[in-house]
Amino acid sequence: MTYPLPAPRPQVGQPIRDLSTPLPLIDETKLEANIARVQSYMDGHGIAFRPHIKTHKIPAIAARQVAAGAKGINCQKITEAEVFADAGFEDLLITFNILGSEKHKRLVDLNTRISGLKVVADSEITVRGLSCAFSQSRPLTVLVECDTGGGRCGVQSPEAAIALAEMIAAAPGLTFGGILTYPKADSEDAVEAFFAATIAGLSARGIPCPIVSNGGTPSLFSAHKVTTATEHRAGTYVYNDRAMARSGHCSLDDCAMHILATVVSRPTPDRAILDAGSKALTSDLLGFSDYGMIVDYPEAVISGLSEEHGTVDLSKVSGRRPEIGDKVRIIPNHTCVVSNLFGIMTFHRDGFVTRVEEVAARGLVW
């Protein structure tokens, strides 16, 4: 049986207008500016910065973030962390409750390979499982995850955080590393109150709290308001996206990722069809009523997605409208998900391809 050949790989020096679509493009200049802007802010406020690599999943970008001054990196799952350990990163924080013997075995192996592995826990069940898996000769550092209003994982009060920290500190094979939160945006006062009460309670019990980790790109430029925090974690900032621009974190011009797509049909004067559907743009709305912004036609509305097709409403576009064969650039609603949809990421400067990177941790959600 003969199988079709894969799409041609972009070549360095190739004009991006000649590339096969759909594919994501990363503007090198904007990428560099985003990394520098955030690191400068963190350095100016004396906050250690720990980028979350789920946005890009590419070791070469993480290396640039660390070279700019980042303390370490944040991963979401064990398999992501394994890829970055293979690439030489040592200071890795996995911000996910890890349960089950298969995952524990992989975590033990990872802890023997690198010097700075850390994980989180928000329940006695998670802590007991980790303690049973790890030995005192090579203990695992565990942080208590706190729900300071984000409504996701985390203990619900400073008292619960203190109790779980005491359990971790007493558990064989574990070391208490500190506390952590992923807060809702604009909740710095609530985060600070939760952290301060927890730290005071730990201090009264003689338990050091070396890491106090705050998080989130939406909270990025308010990080200095949480004065007890020793570090901040963020991921989306490196590319930025439409949701971040709407929140005021950046401008649309700061969005380093565009999806290049081609108009493949114009069934009616008011409707265009793109070759970018949910497998290229994601179906995440994040509060928007459409699925991305077409840079060259901002009044156009990407009104619907099927797997391979994007439907565009052109009824509000005055003047020239895109024709069959035209290529358009789209700012996605949520850039992090796009990274997990493609095997490679194409970088460019001034409209010419500069490099192509494998998305090394693509699909690694275990």
Protein backbone atom coordinates (compact mmCIF):
# COMPACT_ATOMS: atom_id res chain seq x y z
CA MET A 1 0.00 0.00 0.00
CA THR A 2 1.28 3.48 -0.87
CA TYR A 3 0.74 6.19 1.71
CA PRO A 4 0.56 9.92 0.93
CA LEU A 5 3.65 11.97 1.63
CA PRO A 6 3.46 14.46 4.51
CA ALA A 7 3.08 18.16 3.79
CA PRO A 8 6.36 19.82 2.77
CA ARG A 9 8.35 21.11 5.70
CA PRO A 10 8.96 24.88 5.65
CA GLN A 11 12.50 25.80 4.71
CA VAL A 12 14.68 28.49 6.29
CA GLY A 13 14.57 31.59 4.12
CA GLN A 14 11.25 30.68 2.51
CA PRO A 15 8.66 33.51 2.34
CA ILE A 16 5.80 32.70 4.69
CA ARG A 17 3.30 33.68 1.98
CA ASP A 18 4.43 30.58 0.04
CA LEU A 19 3.86 28.09 2.87
CA SER A 20 1.24 25.34 2.76
CA THR A 21 -1.66 25.92 5.13
CA PRO A 22 -2.99 25.70 7.73
CA LEU A 23 -0.03 26.19 10.02
CA PRO A 24 0.95 28.33 13.00
CA LEU A 25 3.60 31.00 12.58
CA ILE A 26 5.70 32.50 15.37
CA ASP A 27 7.10 35.99 14.92
CA GLU A 28 10.66 35.93 16.33
CA THR A 29 10.73 39.65 17.10
CA LYS A 30 7.49 39.53 19.09
CA LEU A 31 8.55 36.35 20.86
CA GLU A 32 11.81 37.95 21.98
CA ALA A 33 10.02 41.10 23.10
CA ASN A 34 7.48 39.14 25.15
CA ILE A 35 10.20 37.17 26.93
CA ALA A 36 12.24 40.30 27.65
CA ARG A 37 9.25 42.37 28.79
CA VAL A 38 8.08 39.90 31.40
CA GLN A 39 11.53 38.98 32.68
CA SER A 40 12.36 42.68 33.07
CA TYR A 41 9.22 43.20 35.14
CA MET A 42 9.99 40.23 37.39
CA ASP A 43 13.61 41.26 37.83
CA GLY A 44 12.55 44.80 38.65
CA HIS A 45 10.35 43.55 41.47
CA GLY A 46 12.74 40.91 42.76
CA ILE A 47 10.40 38.02 41.94
CA ALA A 48 11.73 34.70 40.68
CA PHE A 49 10.01 33.79 37.42
CA ARG A 50 9.07 30.25 36.43
CA PRO A 51 7.60 30.05 32.89
CA HIS A 52 4.95 27.43 32.19
CA ILE A 53 5.99 25.48 29.09
CA LYS A 54 2.49 24.18 28.27
CA THR A 55 2.07 27.19 25.98
CA HIS A 56 4.90 26.22 23.62
CA LYS A 57 6.09 22.69 24.60
CA ILE A 58 9.42 23.43 22.90
CA PRO A 59 12.76 23.10 24.78
CA ALA A 60 14.46 25.72 22.60
CA ILE A 61 11.99 28.37 23.75
CA ALA A 62 12.33 27.32 27.39
CA ALA A 63 16.09 27.68 26.98
CA ARG A 64 15.59 31.27 25.82
CA GLN A 65 13.36 31.96 28.80
CA VAL A 66 15.96 30.60 31.20
CA ALA A 67 18.75 32.47 29.43
CA ALA A 68 16.75 35.66 29.92
CA GLY A 69 16.70 35.04 33.67
CA ALA A 70 13.90 32.58 34.46
CA LYS A 71 14.53 30.52 37.59
CA GLY A 72 13.24 27.19 36.30
CA ILE A 73 10.25 25.89 34.40
CA ASN A 74 6.71 24.77 35.15
CA CYS A 75 5.25 21.65 33.55
CA GLN A 76 1.73 20.28 33.84
CA LYS A 77 2.21 16.53 33.44
CA ILE A 78 4.97 13.96 34.01
CA THR A 79 5.49 13.26 30.30
CA GLU A 80 6.03 16.96 29.60
CA ALA A 81 8.57 17.11 32.40
CA GLU A 82 10.39 14.04 31.03
CA VAL A 83 10.88 15.76 27.66
CA PHE A 84 12.37 18.83 29.31
CA ALA A 85 14.55 16.75 31.62
CA ASP A 86 15.89 15.00 28.52
CA ALA A 87 16.70 18.47 27.15
CA GLY A 88 18.84 19.27 30.20
CA PHE A 89 16.48 21.21 32.48
CA GLU A 90 16.89 20.47 36.19
CA ASP A 91 14.53 22.81 38.08
CA LEU A 92 11.10 21.44 37.14
CA LEU A 93 7.81 22.00 38.94
CA ILE A 94 4.83 19.83 37.97
CA THR A 95 1.63 21.57 39.01
CA PHE A 96 -0.75 18.62 39.02
CA ASN A 97 -1.93 16.06 41.57
CA ILE A 98 -0.14 12.84 40.62
CA LEU A 99 -1.95 9.63 41.47
CA GLY A 100 -1.50 5.93 40.65
CA SER A 101 1.36 3.46 40.74
CA GLU A 102 2.27 3.79 37.05
CA LYS A 103 2.68 7.55 37.35
CA HIS A 104 4.50 7.22 40.66
CA LYS A 105 7.08 4.91 39.08
CA ARG A 106 7.74 7.43 36.31
CA LEU A 107 7.95 10.20 38.89
CA VAL A 108 10.49 8.25 40.96
CA ASP A 109 12.60 7.66 37.84
CA LEU A 110 12.42 11.36 36.95
CA ASN A 111 13.44 12.34 40.48
CA THR A 112 16.61 10.25 40.17
CA ARG A 113 17.56 11.99 36.91
CA ILE A 114 17.27 15.65 37.89
CA SER A 115 18.14 17.64 40.98
CA GLY A 116 15.23 20.05 41.27
CA LEU A 117 11.98 18.14 40.77
CA LYS A 118 8.94 19.44 42.66
CA VAL A 119 5.25 18.49 42.60
CA VAL A 120 2.03 19.63 44.30
CA ALA A 121 -0.65 18.00 46.43
CA ASP A 122 -3.97 19.13 47.85
CA SER A 123 -5.15 16.03 49.70
CA GLU A 124 -4.01 13.42 52.17
CA ILE A 125 -4.66 10.73 49.52
CA THR A 126 -2.18 12.34 47.13
CA VAL A 127 0.41 12.79 49.89
CA ARG A 128 0.09 9.19 51.12
CA GLY A 129 0.51 7.85 47.60
CA LEU A 130 3.64 9.91 47.00
CA SER A 131 5.10 8.94 50.37
CA CYS A 132 4.63 5.22 49.68
CA ALA A 133 6.44 5.58 46.35
CA PHE A 134 9.46 7.59 47.45
CA SER A 135 12.38 6.65 49.64
CA GLN A 136 14.07 8.75 52.28
CA SER A 137 17.37 8.42 50.43
CA ARG A 138 15.95 10.40 47.48
CA PRO A 139 12.95 12.33 48.83
CA LEU A 140 10.52 14.26 46.66
CA THR A 141 9.75 17.93 47.28
CA VAL A 142 6.01 18.58 47.55
CA LEU A 143 4.18 21.92 47.67
CA VAL A 144 0.67 22.37 49.03
CA GLU A 145 -1.69 23.67 46.37
CA CYS A 146 -4.13 26.29 47.68
CA ASP A 147 -7.44 27.43 46.23
CA THR A 148 -7.34 31.19 46.77
CA GLY A 149 -10.45 31.81 44.67
CA GLY A 150 -9.63 30.23 41.33
CA GLY A 151 -12.11 27.42 41.94
CA ARG A 152 -9.97 24.60 40.59
CA CYS A 153 -7.66 22.38 42.67
CA GLY A 154 -6.38 23.35 46.09
CA VAL A 155 -7.07 23.19 49.81
CA GLN A 156 -9.80 25.57 50.87
CA SER A 157 -8.31 27.41 53.83
CA PRO A 158 -4.99 28.39 55.42
CA GLU A 159 -5.77 25.94 58.23
CA ALA A 160 -6.11 23.09 55.75
CA ALA A 161 -2.88 24.16 54.03
CA ILE A 162 -1.04 24.11 57.34
CA ALA A 163 -2.40 20.67 58.24
CA LEU A 164 -1.37 19.21 54.89
CA ALA A 165 2.07 20.84 55.14
CA GLU A 166 2.55 19.18 58.53
CA MET A 167 1.59 15.85 56.98
CA ILE A 168 4.08 16.29 54.14
CA ALA A 169 6.85 17.34 56.53
CA ALA A 170 6.28 14.20 58.62
CA ALA A 171 5.82 11.79 55.69
CA PRO A 172 8.67 9.39 54.85
CA GLY A 173 10.20 10.08 51.45
CA LEU A 174 8.81 13.61 51.16
CA THR A 175 10.08 17.13 51.82
CA PHE A 176 7.73 20.06 52.32
CA GLY A 177 8.68 22.67 49.72
CA GLY A 178 6.14 25.45 50.19
CA ILE A 179 2.72 26.61 48.99
CA LEU A 180 1.27 27.38 45.59
CA THR A 181 -1.85 28.81 43.95
CA TYR A 182 -3.38 29.43 40.55
CA PRO A 183 -5.69 32.34 41.38
CA LYS A 184 -8.45 34.04 39.49
CA ALA A 185 -7.40 37.32 37.89
CA ASP A 186 -7.39 40.55 39.91
CA SER A 187 -7.52 38.77 43.27
CA GLU A 188 -4.16 39.79 44.69
CA ASP A 189 -5.59 40.84 48.07
CA ALA A 190 -7.25 37.46 48.56
CA VAL A 191 -4.09 35.61 47.52
CA GLU A 192 -1.93 37.68 49.86
CA ALA A 193 -4.30 37.15 52.79
CA PHE A 194 -4.36 33.37 52.23
CA PHE A 195 -0.60 33.16 51.82
CA ALA A 196 0.19 35.40 54.80
CA ALA A 197 -2.09 33.44 57.14
CA THR A 198 -0.61 30.14 55.98
CA ILE A 199 2.98 31.31 56.34
CA ALA A 200 2.29 32.68 59.82
CA GLY A 201 0.74 29.39 60.90
CA LEU A 202 3.64 27.39 59.51
CA SER A 203 6.15 29.67 61.22
CA ALA A 204 4.38 29.23 64.54
CA ARG A 205 4.84 25.49 64.14
CA GLY A 206 8.50 25.81 63.18
CA ILE A 207 7.93 24.72 59.57
CA PRO A 208 9.94 26.68 56.97
CA CYS A 209 8.11 27.64 53.76
CA PRO A 210 10.86 28.21 51.18
CA ILE A 211 8.65 28.54 48.08
CA VAL A 212 5.54 30.71 47.86
CA SER A 213 4.40 30.35 44.26
CA ASN A 214 1.77 32.54 42.61
CA GLY A 215 0.66 32.08 39.03
CA GLY A 216 -1.05 33.04 35.83
CA THR A 217 -0.52 35.26 32.81
CA PRO A 218 -3.73 37.21 33.56
CA SER A 219 -2.19 38.17 36.94
CA LEU A 220 1.26 38.71 35.52
CA PHE A 221 1.77 42.44 35.88
CA SER A 222 0.12 42.50 39.30
CA ALA A 223 2.52 39.89 40.68
CA HIS A 224 4.32 42.48 42.83
CA LYS A 225 1.10 43.06 44.83
CA VAL A 226 1.40 39.59 46.39
CA THR A 227 4.32 40.54 48.59
CA THR A 228 4.73 37.14 50.27
CA ALA A 229 5.22 35.35 46.94
CA THR A 230 8.75 34.27 46.11
CA GLU A 231 7.99 33.28 42.52
CA HIS A 232 5.43 33.71 39.75
CA ARG A 233 4.43 31.22 37.06
CA ALA A 234 2.99 32.12 33.65
CA GLY A 235 2.87 30.58 30.19
CA THR A 236 0.62 32.31 27.67
CA TYR A 237 2.64 35.55 27.78
CA VAL A 238 5.38 34.04 25.59
CA TYR A 239 3.09 34.01 22.53
CA ASN A 240 0.04 35.94 23.82
CA ASP A 241 -3.38 35.53 22.23
CA ARG A 242 -6.68 37.24 21.66
CA ALA A 243 -7.92 36.53 25.20
CA MET A 244 -4.82 38.08 26.73
CA ALA A 245 -5.23 41.18 24.54
CA ARG A 246 -8.85 41.52 25.62
CA SER A 247 -7.79 41.35 29.29
CA GLY A 248 -5.36 44.24 28.78
CA HIS A 249 -2.31 42.11 29.44
CA CYS A 250 -0.95 42.88 25.95
CA SER A 251 -1.98 44.40 22.65
CA LEU A 252 -2.94 42.45 19.55
CA ASP A 253 0.41 43.57 18.11
CA ASP A 254 2.13 41.62 20.91
CA CYS A 255 0.63 38.31 19.72
CA ALA A 256 3.56 36.32 18.36
CA MET A 257 1.43 33.44 17.06
CA HIS A 258 -0.69 33.71 13.92
CA ILE A 259 -2.42 30.86 12.14
CA LEU A 260 -1.84 31.07 8.40
CA ALA A 261 -4.92 29.83 6.51
CA THR A 262 -6.20 29.79 2.94
CA VAL A 263 -9.63 30.75 1.61
CA VAL A 264 -10.80 27.59 -0.16
CA SER A 265 -14.37 28.56 -1.00
CA ARG A 266 -16.65 31.59 -1.40
CA PRO A 267 -20.12 30.02 -1.60
CA THR A 268 -21.86 33.40 -1.20
CA PRO A 269 -20.72 37.03 -1.23
CA ASP A 270 -20.98 37.11 2.57
CA ARG A 271 -19.38 33.74 3.33
CA ALA A 272 -15.83 32.45 3.02
CA ILE A 273 -14.52 29.03 4.00
CA LEU A 274 -11.00 28.56 5.36
CA ASP A 275 -8.88 25.42 5.49
CA ALA A 276 -8.49 25.97 9.27
CA GLY A 277 -11.12 24.32 11.47
CA SER A 278 -11.16 23.02 15.03
CA LYS A 279 -7.97 21.00 14.36
CA ALA A 280 -6.08 24.23 13.68
CA LEU A 281 -7.79 27.01 15.64
CA THR A 282 -9.36 25.06 18.57
CA SER A 283 -12.99 25.37 19.56
CA ASP A 284 -12.15 27.35 22.71
CA LEU A 285 -14.26 30.51 22.89
CA LEU A 286 -13.02 31.89 26.24
CA GLY A 287 -15.93 34.30 26.30
CA PHE A 288 -15.72 35.31 22.64
CA SER A 289 -18.58 34.64 20.25
CA ASP A 290 -16.22 33.67 17.41
CA TYR A 291 -13.10 31.59 16.88
CA GLY A 292 -10.25 34.01 16.27
CA MET A 293 -9.52 37.35 14.65
CA ILE A 294 -8.44 37.64 11.01
CA VAL A 295 -5.66 40.23 11.11
CA ASP A 296 -6.18 41.62 7.62
CA TYR A 297 -9.98 41.63 7.90
CA PRO A 298 -10.78 42.50 11.54
CA GLU A 299 -14.48 43.01 10.76
CA ALA A 300 -14.79 39.44 9.48
CA VAL A 301 -16.23 36.92 11.93
CA ILE A 302 -15.07 33.29 12.15
CA SER A 303 -18.56 32.14 13.05
CA GLY A 304 -18.17 28.37 13.03
CA LEU A 305 -15.70 25.51 12.94
CA SER A 306 -15.94 21.95 11.77
CA GLU A 307 -12.87 19.74 11.95
CA GLU A 308 -11.20 21.00 8.76
CA HIS A 309 -13.30 24.03 7.77
CA GLY A 310 -13.62 27.50 9.24
CA THR A 311 -16.74 29.48 8.27
CA VAL A 312 -16.24 33.23 7.99
CA ASP A 313 -19.05 35.80 7.96
CA LEU A 314 -17.97 38.68 5.70
CA SER A 315 -21.17 40.71 5.92
CA LYS A 316 -19.56 43.49 7.97
CA VAL A 317 -16.43 43.76 5.83
CA SER A 318 -16.41 46.94 3.75
CA GLY A 319 -14.24 47.21 0.67
CA ARG A 320 -12.26 44.27 -0.66
CA ARG A 321 -13.10 40.85 0.68
CA PRO A 322 -10.85 37.79 0.62
CA GLU A 323 -11.09 35.66 -2.51
CA ILE A 324 -10.48 31.98 -3.17
CA GLY A 325 -6.76 31.28 -2.89
CA ASP A 326 -6.03 34.26 -0.63
CA LYS A 327 -4.05 33.55 2.54
CA VAL A 328 -5.03 35.19 5.80
CA ARG A 329 -3.45 35.37 9.26
CA ILE A 330 -5.55 34.62 12.35
CA ILE A 331 -4.88 35.49 15.99
CA PRO A 332 -6.24 32.50 17.95
CA ASN A 333 -8.44 32.88 21.01
CA HIS A 334 -6.21 30.49 22.96
CA THR A 335 -2.65 29.95 21.80
CA CYS A 336 -1.74 27.16 24.25
CA VAL A 337 -4.17 24.69 22.70
CA VAL A 338 -2.92 25.46 19.18
CA SER A 339 0.57 24.30 20.19
CA ASN A 340 -0.84 20.86 20.95
CA LEU A 341 -2.49 20.58 17.52
CA PHE A 342 0.65 20.74 15.37
CA GLY A 343 3.83 18.68 15.18
CA ILE A 344 6.06 21.59 14.19
CA MET A 345 6.16 25.32 14.80
CA THR A 346 7.41 27.64 12.06
CA PHE A 347 9.28 30.77 13.14
CA HIS A 348 9.82 33.83 10.96
CA ARG A 349 11.27 37.30 10.96
CA ASP A 350 10.08 40.01 8.57
CA GLY A 351 8.06 37.46 6.62
CA PHE A 352 10.81 34.86 6.03
CA VAL A 353 11.21 31.52 7.79
CA THR A 354 14.05 31.55 10.34
CA ARG A 355 13.71 28.05 11.85
CA VAL A 356 11.34 25.14 12.32
CA GLU A 357 11.04 23.52 15.76
CA GLU A 358 9.46 20.22 16.71
CA VAL A 359 6.71 20.62 19.32
CA ALA A 360 8.55 18.10 21.47
CA ALA A 361 5.93 17.69 24.19
CA ARG A 362 2.93 17.66 21.86
CA GLY A 363 0.18 15.33 23.02
CA LEU A 364 1.96 14.50 26.27
CA VAL A 365 -0.94 14.87 28.67
CA TRP A 366 -0.25 11.83 30.93
